[in-house]
Amino acid sequence: MKFHHIGIFLSNIKNGETFFKKIFKIKRKSKIFLDRKLGVKVRFLYDDSGICYEIVVPYGKNNPVNKVLKKKGNILNHVAYKTKNLIKTINYLRKINCAPITRPQSAKAFNNKKVIFFLTPLNFIIEIIQK
């Protein structure tokens, strides 16, 4: 697996961008991806050290973001990795006691490649993105 981004759940993309620009030198940002199926809008920000931050905001009533924001927990929500072999990676993560918290599903932000989220035994979330 290869590191891809850090996902941050927020209520507003513009507020997130404004804050990130205050603490990091943002070199580039993506367009805003609206994914009705996943119930989110996302924008990727790339800092001058090459780290990618994904701002994830709610879209619609059935989304994974609102519940997290209401609890004020897991705002720094996940660390994402790309993999060449999604099935092999899923099987390996299950073998080492990572629990899938979603099913594999296509994501607009990744050209409809499959993504899946796991809760690790250390209690943080990993997103796996099909390369």
Protein backbone atom coordinates (compact mmCIF):
# COMPACT_ATOMS: atom_id res chain seq x y z
CA MET A 1 0.00 0.00 0.00
CA LYS A 2 1.09 3.54 -0.68
CA PHE A 3 0.06 6.56 1.43
CA HIS A 4 -2.45 8.83 -0.31
CA HIS A 5 -4.14 11.33 2.07
CA ILE A 6 -5.40 12.30 5.50
CA GLY A 7 -9.18 12.69 5.61
CA ILE A 8 -10.72 15.38 7.76
CA PHE A 9 -14.46 15.66 8.45
CA LEU A 10 -15.73 19.25 8.53
CA SER A 11 -19.03 21.03 8.08
CA ASN A 12 -17.83 23.44 5.39
CA ILE A 13 -15.18 23.20 2.66
CA LYS A 14 -14.42 26.93 2.56
CA ASN A 15 -13.80 27.12 6.32
CA GLY A 16 -11.48 24.13 6.05
CA GLU A 17 -9.53 25.68 3.18
CA THR A 18 -9.19 28.98 5.04
CA PHE A 19 -7.81 27.26 8.13
CA PHE A 20 -5.40 25.00 6.22
CA LYS A 21 -4.01 28.02 4.36
CA LYS A 22 -3.22 29.62 7.72
CA ILE A 23 -1.08 26.70 8.92
CA PHE A 24 0.26 25.14 5.69
CA LYS A 25 1.44 26.47 2.39
CA ILE A 26 -1.19 24.99 0.08
CA LYS A 27 0.35 24.50 -3.35
CA ARG A 28 -2.65 23.03 -5.13
CA LYS A 29 -6.28 22.11 -4.62
CA SER A 30 -8.61 19.83 -6.53
CA LYS A 31 -12.04 20.60 -7.82
CA ILE A 32 -14.91 19.81 -5.44
CA PHE A 33 -16.25 16.30 -5.94
CA LEU A 34 -19.94 15.77 -5.17
CA ASP A 35 -20.69 12.12 -4.48
CA ARG A 36 -24.42 11.62 -3.93
CA LYS A 37 -23.97 7.87 -3.49
CA LEU A 38 -21.53 8.30 -0.59
CA GLY A 39 -23.34 11.38 0.74
CA VAL A 40 -20.28 13.64 0.76
CA LYS A 41 -18.53 16.51 -0.98
CA VAL A 42 -14.73 16.43 -0.96
CA ARG A 43 -11.80 18.63 -1.96
CA PHE A 44 -8.15 17.66 -1.83
CA LEU A 45 -5.53 20.17 -0.68
CA TYR A 46 -1.82 19.55 -1.31
CA ASP A 47 0.76 21.27 0.86
CA ASP A 48 4.31 22.18 -0.09
CA SER A 49 5.71 19.02 1.54
CA GLY A 50 3.53 16.81 -0.67
CA ILE A 51 0.97 15.80 1.94
CA CYS A 52 -2.60 15.56 0.71
CA TYR A 53 -5.51 16.52 2.97
CA GLU A 54 -9.04 15.51 2.02
CA ILE A 55 -11.73 17.83 3.34
CA VAL A 56 -14.93 15.78 3.61
CA VAL A 57 -18.25 17.56 4.23
CA PRO A 58 -21.81 16.24 4.45
CA TYR A 59 -24.10 16.14 1.44
CA GLY A 60 -27.72 15.20 1.99
CA LYS A 61 -29.35 13.67 5.03
CA ASN A 62 -27.81 10.19 4.84
CA ASN A 63 -24.11 10.88 5.11
CA PRO A 64 -21.31 9.57 7.33
CA VAL A 65 -20.12 13.04 8.37
CA ASN A 66 -22.95 14.57 10.44
CA LYS A 67 -22.89 11.88 13.14
CA VAL A 68 -19.14 12.32 13.61
CA LEU A 69 -19.41 16.11 13.72
CA LYS A 70 -22.21 15.96 16.31
CA LYS A 71 -20.08 13.73 18.57
CA LYS A 72 -17.04 15.98 18.01
CA GLY A 73 -14.97 12.84 17.61
CA ASN A 74 -12.82 11.49 14.80
CA ILE A 75 -12.68 14.84 13.00
CA LEU A 76 -9.25 13.71 11.85
CA ASN A 77 -11.12 10.77 10.45
CA HIS A 78 -8.89 8.50 8.41
CA VAL A 79 -5.55 7.83 6.74
CA ALA A 80 -5.85 6.64 3.16
CA TYR A 81 -3.69 4.32 1.09
CA LYS A 82 -3.84 3.17 -2.51
CA THR A 83 -3.42 -0.49 -3.38
CA LYS A 84 -2.94 -2.37 -6.63
CA ASN A 85 -4.83 -5.44 -5.41
CA LEU A 86 -7.92 -4.44 -3.46
CA ILE A 87 -9.11 -7.98 -2.67
CA LYS A 88 -5.67 -9.07 -1.42
CA THR A 89 -5.41 -5.97 0.78
CA ILE A 90 -8.92 -6.47 2.17
CA ASN A 91 -8.14 -10.09 3.03
CA TYR A 92 -4.85 -9.13 4.69
CA LEU A 93 -6.43 -6.37 6.79
CA ARG A 94 -9.15 -8.77 7.95
CA LYS A 95 -6.47 -11.34 8.82
CA ILE A 96 -4.74 -8.83 11.11
CA ASN A 97 -8.04 -8.04 12.86
CA CYS A 98 -9.02 -4.86 11.06
CA ALA A 99 -12.81 -4.67 10.81
CA PRO A 100 -14.47 -3.38 7.63
CA ILE A 101 -16.89 -0.56 8.46
CA THR A 102 -18.12 -0.13 4.88
CA ARG A 103 -18.38 -2.34 1.87
CA PRO A 104 -16.26 -1.68 -1.23
CA GLN A 105 -17.98 1.03 -3.25
CA SER A 106 -17.09 3.33 -6.10
CA ALA A 107 -16.08 6.91 -5.28
CA LYS A 108 -16.33 9.84 -7.70
CA ALA A 109 -13.23 11.52 -6.25
CA PHE A 110 -11.18 8.54 -7.46
CA ASN A 111 -12.67 8.15 -10.95
CA ASN A 112 -15.19 5.63 -9.59
CA LYS A 113 -12.48 3.31 -8.30
CA LYS A 114 -13.53 1.23 -5.28
CA VAL A 115 -12.86 2.39 -1.73
CA ILE A 116 -13.40 0.62 1.60
CA PHE A 117 -12.91 1.75 5.20
CA PHE A 118 -11.56 -0.35 8.08
CA LEU A 119 -11.38 0.22 11.83
CA THR A 120 -7.99 -0.95 13.06
CA PRO A 121 -7.34 -2.70 16.40
CA LEU A 122 -5.64 0.57 17.45
CA ASN A 123 -9.00 2.32 16.96
CA PHE A 124 -8.23 4.50 13.94
CA ILE A 125 -9.70 4.29 10.46
CA ILE A 126 -7.90 3.31 7.27
CA GLU A 127 -9.34 3.97 3.82
CA ILE A 128 -8.16 1.67 1.05
CA ILE A 129 -8.41 3.00 -2.51
CA GLN A 130 -8.22 0.76 -5.56
CA LYS A 131 -5.36 1.94 -7.81
